C-alpha cells in the first residue's frame, strides 16, 4: 500500500487493477483491505453508474481460491473501459454495500460538483450543490466544508476586492454564499476573538464576516468570523492587526492598545490530502 497526494481536497482509498483480473471479470481485494469486507463467502452489493446496488459474488481468503475477490465484474469493466493499472476508488456504505468508481471519473465528478458549489449565488443552490459533493465523497457536510476550508486556505495570494456599482453608490463585494457556509460550519458561528455567538430565531448562530484588509478580496485568510461588538471595534476603534509572517494568518489584534488572540481553525486541521493505493 502506498500513500500519495491527491489532486482533489479529499482523503480516499483506491484499488489498482490488473489486466488478468479485468479479463476474468474479477476484482482481487488486497490483504490490506480485507477488514472492509464480510468474513464469509456470499454476496455483496456494488452501487452502479445509475445509483442502483447490483449483487456480486464474493469469496474470502478462506475459500478454495485462496483469494479475496469480487466476481461478476466483466460488464462493469466494459462500461468504464477499464485498462491495466487503472485505479478504482472504493467506498463502503455498510457491511455488504460498496461503491467502486474509476479514479478519473471520480475526480472529474468531484471537481465538477465543487465548481457548482463555489459558483452558487444563493443559499438554496449552495445547499443543493453541497449535497451533491457530499454524496460523491460519501462524507458528511461538515467534513466537505472543512476540506474546502483547507483547500481555499492553501491558495496563494488575496485578490483585490471588487467594487460593485449601483445607481447612486459604489459598494465593495460581499462574501459569497458558499464561503459563508464554509466559515459557519468551521467556526460554528463563534467569534474568532471572543468565541461569542447567540442563536437567532431560526436556530442558527449569528455571526458577521469581517474583511481584515478591506481592499483585499474574499480569501479565507482575509475573512474573520466575528460578533457584532468585535466587528464594530474593527470599524471604529484604533485596530492594529498582527499577522503570522510565515503563513499570513491573523494571529493577534489590538483594539486601542488592548491585545486579543485570534483563533485560527487551520492550526488543528490537516494541511494536505492523500489517497491510499492498495495493490
C-alpha atoms as a PDB file:
ATOM      1  CA  UNK A   1       0.000   0.000   0.000  1.00  0.00           C
ATOM      2  CA  UNK A   2       1.244   3.478  -0.920  1.00  0.00           C
ATOM      3  CA  UNK A   3       0.083   6.857   0.374  1.00  0.00           C
ATOM      4  CA  UNK A   4       0.307   9.634  -2.214  1.00  0.00           C
ATOM      5  CA  UNK A   5      -1.029  13.215  -2.574  1.00  0.00           C
ATOM      6  CA  UNK A   6      -4.435  13.693  -4.177  1.00  0.00           C
ATOM      7  CA  UNK A   7      -5.499  16.197  -6.823  1.00  0.00           C
ATOM      8  CA  UNK A   8      -8.775  16.944  -5.012  1.00  0.00           C
ATOM      9  CA  UNK A   9      -9.443  18.128  -1.418  1.00  0.00           C
ATOM     10  CA  UNK A  10     -10.377  14.690  -0.090  1.00  0.00           C
ATOM     11  CA  UNK A  11      -8.763  11.648   1.503  1.00  0.00           C
ATOM     12  CA  UNK A  12      -9.829   8.428  -0.216  1.00  0.00           C
ATOM     13  CA  UNK A  13      -8.873   4.822  -0.945  1.00  0.00           C
ATOM     14  CA  UNK A  14      -8.198   3.097  -4.267  1.00  0.00           C
ATOM     15  CA  UNK A  15      -7.525  -0.427  -5.528  1.00  0.00           C
ATOM     16  CA  UNK A  16      -5.190  -0.829  -8.511  1.00  0.00           C
ATOM     17  CA  UNK A  17      -6.499  -3.245 -11.137  1.00  0.00           C
ATOM     18  CA  UNK A  18      -4.583  -5.716 -13.315  1.00  0.00           C
ATOM     19  CA  UNK A  19      -5.172  -6.899 -16.877  1.00  0.00           C
ATOM     20  CA  UNK A  20      -5.542 -10.550 -15.839  1.00  0.00           C
ATOM     21  CA  UNK A  21      -8.331  -9.766 -13.362  1.00  0.00           C
ATOM     22  CA  UNK A  22     -10.065  -7.395 -15.808  1.00  0.00           C
ATOM     23  CA  UNK A  23     -10.100 -10.145 -18.461  1.00  0.00           C
ATOM     24  CA  UNK A  24     -11.596 -12.605 -15.947  1.00  0.00           C
ATOM     25  CA  UNK A  25     -14.192 -10.118 -14.699  1.00  0.00           C
ATOM     26  CA  UNK A  26     -12.837 -10.256 -11.150  1.00  0.00           C
ATOM     27  CA  UNK A  27     -11.589  -7.725  -8.617  1.00  0.00           C
ATOM     28  CA  UNK A  28      -8.976  -9.040  -6.202  1.00  0.00           C
ATOM     29  CA  UNK A  29      -9.195  -7.425  -2.772  1.00  0.00           C
ATOM     30  CA  UNK A  30      -5.734  -6.649  -1.338  1.00  0.00           C
ATOM     31  CA  UNK A  31      -4.933  -8.148   2.059  1.00  0.00           C
ATOM     32  CA  UNK A  32      -4.663  -4.625   3.465  1.00  0.00           C
ATOM     33  CA  UNK A  33      -8.410  -4.108   2.813  1.00  0.00           C
ATOM     34  CA  UNK A  34      -9.943  -7.421   3.909  1.00  0.00           C
ATOM     35  CA  UNK A  35     -11.282  -5.872   7.130  1.00  0.00           C
ATOM     36  CA  UNK A  36     -13.596  -3.715   4.993  1.00  0.00           C
ATOM     37  CA  UNK A  37     -15.391  -6.828   3.705  1.00  0.00           C
ATOM     38  CA  UNK A  38     -17.529  -9.696   5.072  1.00  0.00           C
ATOM     39  CA  UNK A  39     -15.785 -12.598   6.801  1.00  0.00           C
ATOM     40  CA  UNK A  40     -17.724 -15.285   4.957  1.00  0.00           C
ATOM     41  CA  UNK A  41     -18.320 -16.229   1.328  1.00  0.00           C
ATOM     42  CA  UNK A  42     -21.563 -14.981  -0.186  1.00  0.00           C
ATOM     43  CA  UNK A  43     -22.742 -11.835  -1.935  1.00  0.00           C
ATOM     44  CA  UNK A  44     -22.098  -8.141  -1.696  1.00  0.00           C
ATOM     45  CA  UNK A  45     -23.660  -5.186  -3.498  1.00  0.00           C
ATOM     46  CA  UNK A  46     -21.844  -2.727  -5.731  1.00  0.00           C
ATOM     47  CA  UNK A  47     -23.526   0.593  -6.484  1.00  0.00           C
ATOM     48  CA  UNK A  48     -23.569   1.071 -10.260  1.00  0.00           C
ATOM     49  CA  UNK A  49     -23.492   4.155 -12.502  1.00  0.00           C
ATOM     50  CA  UNK A  50     -27.239   4.690 -12.233  1.00  0.00           C
ATOM     51  CA  UNK A  51     -27.146   4.545  -8.437  1.00  0.00           C
ATOM     52  CA  UNK A  52     -28.689   1.086  -8.068  1.00  0.00           C
ATOM     53  CA  UNK A  53     -26.971  -1.605  -5.997  1.00  0.00           C
ATOM     54  CA  UNK A  54     -26.186  -4.761  -8.018  1.00  0.00           C
ATOM     55  CA  UNK A  55     -25.444  -8.116  -6.441  1.00  0.00           C
ATOM     56  CA  UNK A  56     -21.987  -9.697  -6.950  1.00  0.00           C
ATOM     57  CA  UNK A  57     -20.453 -12.944  -5.750  1.00  0.00           C
ATOM     58  CA  UNK A  58     -17.832 -12.593  -3.043  1.00  0.00           C
ATOM     59  CA  UNK A  59     -15.211 -15.012  -1.739  1.00  0.00           C
ATOM     60  CA  UNK A  60     -12.837 -14.657   1.211  1.00  0.00           C
ATOM     61  CA  UNK A  61      -9.274 -15.853   1.694  1.00  0.00           C
ATOM     62  CA  UNK A  62     -10.624 -18.929   3.437  1.00  0.00           C
ATOM     63  CA  UNK A  63     -12.185 -20.162   0.167  1.00  0.00           C
ATOM     64  CA  UNK A  64     -10.593 -22.702  -2.166  1.00  0.00           C
ATOM     65  CA  UNK A  65      -9.324 -19.888  -4.413  1.00  0.00           C
ATOM     66  CA  UNK A  66      -7.173 -18.563  -1.547  1.00  0.00           C
ATOM     67  CA  UNK A  67      -8.007 -15.094  -2.814  1.00  0.00           C
ATOM     68  CA  UNK A  68     -10.454 -12.479  -1.539  1.00  0.00           C
ATOM     69  CA  UNK A  69     -12.301 -11.277  -4.607  1.00  0.00           C
ATOM     70  CA  UNK A  70     -15.478  -9.890  -6.141  1.00  0.00           C
ATOM     71  CA  UNK A  71     -16.930 -11.706  -9.154  1.00  0.00           C
ATOM     72  CA  UNK A  72     -19.252 -10.676 -11.969  1.00  0.00           C
ATOM     73  CA  UNK A  73     -17.277  -7.511 -12.758  1.00  0.00           C
ATOM     74  CA  UNK A  74     -16.876  -8.007 -16.521  1.00  0.00           C
ATOM     75  CA  UNK A  75     -19.726  -5.684 -17.563  1.00  0.00           C
ATOM     76  CA  UNK A  76     -18.556  -3.119 -15.004  1.00  0.00           C
ATOM     77  CA  UNK A  77     -15.102  -3.098 -16.614  1.00  0.00           C
ATOM     78  CA  UNK A  78     -16.627  -2.808 -20.083  1.00  0.00           C
ATOM     79  CA  UNK A  79     -18.907   0.075 -19.056  1.00  0.00           C
ATOM     80  CA  UNK A  80     -15.984   2.040 -17.653  1.00  0.00           C
ATOM     81  CA  UNK A  81     -13.459   0.935 -20.312  1.00  0.00           C
ATOM     82  CA  UNK A  82     -11.025  -0.133 -17.605  1.00  0.00           C
ATOM     83  CA  UNK A  83      -7.362  -0.583 -18.528  1.00  0.00           C
ATOM     84  CA  UNK A  84      -4.472  -2.391 -16.839  1.00  0.00           C
ATOM     85  CA  UNK A  85      -3.239  -0.361 -13.864  1.00  0.00           C
ATOM     86  CA  UNK A  86      -6.337   1.856 -13.582  1.00  0.00           C
ATOM     87  CA  UNK A  87      -7.351   2.615 -10.010  1.00  0.00           C
ATOM     88  CA  UNK A  88     -10.831   2.125  -8.559  1.00  0.00           C
ATOM     89  CA  UNK A  89     -11.996   4.391  -5.750  1.00  0.00           C
ATOM     90  CA  UNK A  90     -13.513   2.222  -3.023  1.00  0.00           C
ATOM     91  CA  UNK A  91     -16.252   3.496  -0.696  1.00  0.00           C
ATOM     92  CA  UNK A  92     -18.099   1.500   1.945  1.00  0.00           C
ATOM     93  CA  UNK A  93     -21.752   2.202   2.761  1.00  0.00           C
ATOM     94  CA  UNK A  94     -22.453  -0.685   5.143  1.00  0.00           C
ATOM     95  CA  UNK A  95     -21.314  -4.262   5.792  1.00  0.00           C
ATOM     96  CA  UNK A  96     -22.232  -5.577   2.326  1.00  0.00           C
ATOM     97  CA  UNK A  97     -22.729  -2.500   0.126  1.00  0.00           C
ATOM     98  CA  UNK A  98     -19.887  -0.692  -1.616  1.00  0.00           C
ATOM     99  CA  UNK A  99     -19.243   1.764  -4.411  1.00  0.00           C
ATOM    100  CA  UNK A 100     -16.437   1.320  -6.949  1.00  0.00           C
ATOM    101  CA  UNK A 101     -15.691   4.018  -9.499  1.00  0.00           C
ATOM    102  CA  UNK A 102     -12.636   4.631 -11.714  1.00  0.00           C
ATOM    103  CA  UNK A 103     -10.476   7.322 -10.157  1.00  0.00           C
ATOM    104  CA  UNK A 104     -10.532   9.526 -13.258  1.00  0.00           C
ATOM    105  CA  UNK A 105     -14.332   9.556 -13.288  1.00  0.00           C
ATOM    106  CA  UNK A 106     -14.467  10.089  -9.534  1.00  0.00           C
ATOM    107  CA  UNK A 107     -12.098  13.059  -9.639  1.00  0.00           C
ATOM    108  CA  UNK A 108     -13.974  14.615 -12.558  1.00  0.00           C
ATOM    109  CA  UNK A 109     -17.336  14.276 -10.780  1.00  0.00           C
ATOM    110  CA  UNK A 110     -15.910  15.675  -7.564  1.00  0.00           C
ATOM    111  CA  UNK A 111     -14.297  18.674  -9.261  1.00  0.00           C
ATOM    112  CA  UNK A 112     -17.483  19.448 -11.181  1.00  0.00           C
ATOM    113  CA  UNK A 113     -19.627  19.311  -8.055  1.00  0.00           C
ATOM    114  CA  UNK A 114     -17.162  21.552  -6.179  1.00  0.00           C
ATOM    115  CA  UNK A 115     -17.263  24.037  -9.042  1.00  0.00           C
ATOM    116  CA  UNK A 116     -21.063  24.167  -8.789  1.00  0.00           C
ATOM    117  CA  UNK A 117     -20.762  24.720  -5.047  1.00  0.00           C
ATOM    118  CA  UNK A 118     -18.187  27.502  -5.371  1.00  0.00           C
ATOM    119  CA  UNK A 119     -20.179  29.295  -8.057  1.00  0.00           C
ATOM    120  CA  UNK A 120     -23.552  29.142  -6.316  1.00  0.00           C
ATOM    121  CA  UNK A 121     -25.163  32.555  -5.952  1.00  0.00           C
ATOM    122  CA  UNK A 122     -27.667  31.937  -3.149  1.00  0.00           C
ATOM    123  CA  UNK A 123     -28.149  29.769  -0.070  1.00  0.00           C
ATOM    124  CA  UNK A 124     -30.520  27.342  -1.784  1.00  0.00           C
ATOM    125  CA  UNK A 125     -28.169  26.492  -4.657  1.00  0.00           C
ATOM    126  CA  UNK A 126     -25.247  26.313  -2.213  1.00  0.00           C
ATOM    127  CA  UNK A 127     -27.089  23.654  -0.213  1.00  0.00           C
ATOM    128  CA  UNK A 128     -28.083  21.665  -3.312  1.00  0.00           C
ATOM    129  CA  UNK A 129     -24.501  21.694  -4.592  1.00  0.00           C
ATOM    130  CA  UNK A 130     -23.194  20.721  -1.159  1.00  0.00           C
ATOM    131  CA  UNK A 131     -25.497  17.693  -1.147  1.00  0.00           C
ATOM    132  CA  UNK A 132     -24.006  16.581  -4.490  1.00  0.00           C
ATOM    133  CA  UNK A 133     -20.447  16.884  -3.175  1.00  0.00           C
ATOM    134  CA  UNK A 134     -21.406  15.042  -0.007  1.00  0.00           C
ATOM    135  CA  UNK A 135     -22.981  12.184  -1.980  1.00  0.00           C
ATOM    136  CA  UNK A 136     -19.992  11.733  -4.274  1.00  0.00           C
ATOM    137  CA  UNK A 137     -17.458  11.901  -1.439  1.00  0.00           C
ATOM    138  CA  UNK A 138     -19.521   9.710   0.922  1.00  0.00           C
ATOM    139  CA  UNK A 139     -18.755  12.008   3.871  1.00  0.00           C
ATOM    140  CA  UNK A 140     -20.922  14.377   5.892  1.00  0.00           C
ATOM    141  CA  UNK A 141     -21.434  18.072   5.140  1.00  0.00           C
ATOM    142  CA  UNK A 142     -19.144  19.263   7.932  1.00  0.00           C
ATOM    143  CA  UNK A 143     -16.261  17.210   6.516  1.00  0.00           C
ATOM    144  CA  UNK A 144     -16.868  18.550   2.989  1.00  0.00           C
ATOM    145  CA  UNK A 145     -16.850  22.150   4.243  1.00  0.00           C
ATOM    146  CA  UNK A 146     -13.760  21.579   6.354  1.00  0.00           C
ATOM    147  CA  UNK A 147     -11.939  20.137   3.345  1.00  0.00           C
ATOM    148  CA  UNK A 148     -12.964  23.150   1.262  1.00  0.00           C
ATOM    149  CA  UNK A 149     -11.682  25.455   4.011  1.00  0.00           C
ATOM    150  CA  UNK A 150      -8.271  23.759   3.874  1.00  0.00           C
ATOM    151  CA  UNK A 151      -8.211  23.849   0.064  1.00  0.00           C
ATOM    152  CA  UNK A 152      -9.023  27.572  -0.063  1.00  0.00           C
ATOM    153  CA  UNK A 153      -6.531  28.335   2.707  1.00  0.00           C
ATOM    154  CA  UNK A 154      -3.765  26.843   0.541  1.00  0.00           C
ATOM    155  CA  UNK A 155      -4.461  29.218  -2.357  1.00  0.00           C
ATOM    156  CA  UNK A 156      -1.682  31.784  -2.545  1.00  0.00           C
ATOM    157  CA  UNK A 157      -2.425  35.496  -2.612  1.00  0.00           C
ATOM    158  CA  UNK A 158      -5.540  37.501  -1.872  1.00  0.00           C
ATOM    159  CA  UNK A 159      -7.296  39.034  -4.900  1.00  0.00           C
ATOM    160  CA  UNK A 160      -8.283  42.667  -4.931  1.00  0.00           C
ATOM    161  CA  UNK A 161     -11.779  43.202  -3.596  1.00  0.00           C
ATOM    162  CA  UNK A 162     -14.140  44.192  -6.387  1.00  0.00           C
ATOM    163  CA  UNK A 163     -16.308  47.304  -6.322  1.00  0.00           C
ATOM    164  CA  UNK A 164     -19.980  46.846  -7.143  1.00  0.00           C
ATOM    165  CA  UNK A 165     -21.557  49.864  -8.810  1.00  0.00           C
ATOM    166  CA  UNK A 166     -25.180  50.671  -8.036  1.00  0.00           C
ATOM    167  CA  UNK A 167     -27.347  53.523  -9.265  1.00  0.00           C
ATOM    168  CA  UNK A 168     -26.172  56.029  -6.692  1.00  0.00           C
ATOM    169  CA  UNK A 169     -23.326  54.400  -4.759  1.00  0.00           C
ATOM    170  CA  UNK A 170     -20.324  52.104  -5.003  1.00  0.00           C
ATOM    171  CA  UNK A 171     -20.069  49.152  -2.618  1.00  0.00           C
ATOM    172  CA  UNK A 172     -17.388  46.538  -2.114  1.00  0.00           C
ATOM    173  CA  UNK A 173     -18.398  42.982  -2.985  1.00  0.00           C
ATOM    174  CA  UNK A 174     -19.867  40.878  -0.203  1.00  0.00           C
ATOM    175  CA  UNK A 175     -18.805  37.390   0.844  1.00  0.00           C
ATOM    176  CA  UNK A 176     -20.207  34.665  -1.499  1.00  0.00           C
ATOM    177  CA  UNK A 177     -22.793  32.265  -0.002  1.00  0.00           C
ATOM    178  CA  UNK A 178     -20.510  29.215  -0.256  1.00  0.00           C
ATOM    179  CA  UNK A 179     -17.799  30.925   1.793  1.00  0.00           C
ATOM    180  CA  UNK A 180     -20.325  31.925   4.445  1.00  0.00           C
ATOM    181  CA  UNK A 181     -21.435  28.273   4.563  1.00  0.00           C
ATOM    182  CA  UNK A 182     -17.856  27.062   4.994  1.00  0.00           C
ATOM    183  CA  UNK A 183     -16.956  29.562   7.711  1.00  0.00           C
ATOM    184  CA  UNK A 184     -20.218  28.991   9.592  1.00  0.00           C
ATOM    185  CA  UNK A 185     -19.512  25.262   9.703  1.00  0.00           C
ATOM    186  CA  UNK A 186     -15.806  25.518  10.546  1.00  0.00           C
ATOM    187  CA  UNK A 187     -16.206  28.074  13.353  1.00  0.00           C
ATOM    188  CA  UNK A 188     -19.774  27.107  14.373  1.00  0.00           C
ATOM    189  CA  UNK A 189     -20.703  30.787  14.162  1.00  0.00           C
ATOM    190  CA  UNK A 190     -18.413  31.669  17.084  1.00  0.00           C
ATOM    191  CA  UNK A 191     -16.320  34.845  17.053  1.00  0.00           C
ATOM    192  CA  UNK A 192     -12.661  34.022  16.437  1.00  0.00           C
ATOM    193  CA  UNK A 193     -11.640  36.568  19.080  1.00  0.00           C
ATOM    194  CA  UNK A 194     -14.253  36.266  21.844  1.00  0.00           C
ATOM    195  CA  UNK A 195     -15.863  32.875  20.997  1.00  0.00           C
ATOM    196  CA  UNK A 196     -19.232  34.600  21.472  1.00  0.00           C
ATOM    197  CA  UNK A 197     -22.340  33.890  19.429  1.00  0.00           C
ATOM    198  CA  UNK A 198     -26.076  33.599  20.009  1.00  0.00           C
ATOM    199  CA  UNK A 199     -28.871  31.683  18.341  1.00  0.00           C
ATOM    200  CA  UNK A 200     -31.262  33.523  16.072  1.00  0.00           C
ATOM    201  CA  UNK A 201     -34.972  32.756  15.980  1.00  0.00           C
ATOM    202  CA  UNK A 202     -34.370  30.216  13.198  1.00  0.00           C
ATOM    203  CA  UNK A 203     -31.966  28.295  15.455  1.00  0.00           C
ATOM    204  CA  UNK A 204     -28.799  29.229  13.563  1.00  0.00           C
ATOM    205  CA  UNK A 205     -25.904  31.050  15.250  1.00  0.00           C
ATOM    206  CA  UNK A 206     -25.499  34.731  14.463  1.00  0.00           C
ATOM    207  CA  UNK A 207     -22.153  35.908  13.131  1.00  0.00           C
ATOM    208  CA  UNK A 208     -20.684  38.585  10.909  1.00  0.00           C
ATOM    209  CA  UNK A 209     -17.774  38.393   8.490  1.00  0.00           C
ATOM    210  CA  UNK A 210     -15.013  40.965   8.543  1.00  0.00           C
ATOM    211  CA  UNK A 211     -12.525  41.642   5.734  1.00  0.00           C
ATOM    212  CA  UNK A 212      -9.265  42.125   7.627  1.00  0.00           C
ATOM    213  CA  UNK A 213      -7.782  44.198   4.816  1.00  0.00           C
ATOM    214  CA  UNK A 214     -10.810  45.964   3.274  1.00  0.00           C
ATOM    215  CA  UNK A 215      -9.222  46.304  -0.170  1.00  0.00           C
ATOM    216  CA  UNK A 216      -8.440  42.592  -0.441  1.00  0.00           C
ATOM    217  CA  UNK A 217     -10.915  40.044  -1.742  1.00  0.00           C
ATOM    218  CA  UNK A 218     -12.646  37.021  -0.275  1.00  0.00           C
ATOM    219  CA  UNK A 219      -9.627  34.878   0.564  1.00  0.00           C
ATOM    220  CA  UNK A 220     -10.059  32.611   3.589  1.00  0.00           C
ATOM    221  CA  UNK A 221      -7.079  34.287   5.290  1.00  0.00           C
ATOM    222  CA  UNK A 222      -8.668  37.710   4.816  1.00  0.00           C
ATOM    223  CA  UNK A 223     -12.032  36.743   6.335  1.00  0.00           C
ATOM    224  CA  UNK A 224     -12.746  36.693  10.043  1.00  0.00           C
ATOM    225  CA  UNK A 225     -15.826  35.318  11.822  1.00  0.00           C
ATOM    226  CA  UNK A 226     -16.739  37.959  14.409  1.00  0.00           C
ATOM    227  CA  UNK A 227     -19.511  39.032  16.755  1.00  0.00           C
ATOM    228  CA  UNK A 228     -21.105  42.476  16.266  1.00  0.00           C
ATOM    229  CA  UNK A 229     -19.099  44.081  19.093  1.00  0.00           C
ATOM    230  CA  UNK A 230     -15.757  42.978  17.653  1.00  0.00           C
ATOM    231  CA  UNK A 231     -16.848  43.972  14.136  1.00  0.00           C
ATOM    232  CA  UNK A 232     -17.683  47.466  15.399  1.00  0.00           C
ATOM    233  CA  UNK A 233     -14.268  47.727  17.046  1.00  0.00           C
ATOM    234  CA  UNK A 234     -12.546  46.851  13.793  1.00  0.00           C
ATOM    235  CA  UNK A 235     -14.537  49.656  12.160  1.00  0.00           C
ATOM    236  CA  UNK A 236     -14.391  52.392  14.792  1.00  0.00           C
ATOM    237  CA  UNK A 237     -11.570  51.663  17.278  1.00  0.00           C
ATOM    238  CA  UNK A 238      -7.829  52.010  16.765  1.00  0.00           C
ATOM    239  CA  UNK A 239      -7.386  48.462  15.440  1.00  0.00           C
ATOM    240  CA  UNK A 240      -3.924  47.066  14.666  1.00  0.00           C
ATOM    241  CA  UNK A 241      -3.650  43.556  13.143  1.00  0.00           C
ATOM    242  CA  UNK A 242      -0.628  41.279  13.655  1.00  0.00           C
ATOM    243  CA  UNK A 243      -0.054  38.576  11.046  1.00  0.00           C
ATOM    244  CA  UNK A 244       1.929  35.359  11.017  1.00  0.00           C
ATOM    245  CA  UNK A 245       4.936  36.209   8.838  1.00  0.00           C
ATOM    246  CA  UNK A 246       5.298  32.627   7.596  1.00  0.00           C
ATOM    247  CA  UNK A 247       1.717  31.795   6.582  1.00  0.00           C
ATOM    248  CA  UNK A 248      -0.088  35.134   6.601  1.00  0.00           C
ATOM    249  CA  UNK A 249      -2.790  34.247   9.144  1.00  0.00           C
ATOM    250  CA  UNK A 250      -4.021  36.944  11.531  1.00  0.00           C
ATOM    251  CA  UNK A 251      -2.736  35.949  14.978  1.00  0.00           C
ATOM    252  CA  UNK A 252      -3.426  38.958  17.179  1.00  0.00           C
ATOM    253  CA  UNK A 253      -5.264  42.244  17.060  1.00  0.00           C
ATOM    254  CA  UNK A 254      -5.134  45.203  19.403  1.00  0.00           C
ATOM    255  CA  UNK A 255      -8.098  47.493  19.965  1.00  0.00           C
ATOM    256  CA  UNK A 256      -6.998  50.799  21.475  1.00  0.00           C
ATOM    257  CA  UNK A 257      -3.861  49.126  22.821  1.00  0.00           C
ATOM    258  CA  UNK A 258      -5.546  46.028  24.293  1.00  0.00           C
ATOM    259  CA  UNK A 259      -4.321  42.808  22.676  1.00  0.00           C
ATOM    260  CA  UNK A 260      -6.516  39.835  21.752  1.00  0.00           C
ATOM    261  CA  UNK A 261      -5.526  36.444  20.329  1.00  0.00           C
ATOM    262  CA  UNK A 262      -7.244  35.200  17.168  1.00  0.00           C
ATOM    263  CA  UNK A 263      -8.312  31.553  16.932  1.00  0.00           C
ATOM    264  CA  UNK A 264      -7.475  30.031  13.548  1.00  0.00           C
ATOM    265  CA  UNK A 265      -9.019  26.590  12.888  1.00  0.00           C
ATOM    266  CA  UNK A 266      -6.291  25.788  10.361  1.00  0.00           C
ATOM    267  CA  UNK A 267      -3.942  25.154  13.316  1.00  0.00           C
ATOM    268  CA  UNK A 268      -5.826  21.990  14.293  1.00  0.00           C
ATOM    269  CA  UNK A 269      -6.544  20.657  10.803  1.00  0.00           C
ATOM    270  CA  UNK A 270      -4.536  18.588   8.359  1.00  0.00           C
ATOM    271  CA  UNK A 271      -2.853  20.694   5.687  1.00  0.00           C
ATOM    272  CA  UNK A 272      -2.782  18.192   2.796  1.00  0.00           C
ATOM    273  CA  UNK A 273      -4.913  15.395   1.329  1.00  0.00           C
ATOM    274  CA  UNK A 274      -3.786  11.887   0.427  1.00  0.00           C
ATOM    275  CA  UNK A 275      -5.093   8.676  -1.080  1.00  0.00           C
ATOM    276  CA  UNK A 276      -4.221   5.134  -0.090  1.00  0.00           C
ATOM    277  CA  UNK A 277      -3.387   2.993  -3.123  1.00  0.00           C
ATOM    278  CA  UNK A 278      -3.821  -0.729  -2.420  1.00  0.00           C
ATOM    279  CA  UNK A 279      -2.336  -3.417  -4.681  1.00  0.00           C
END
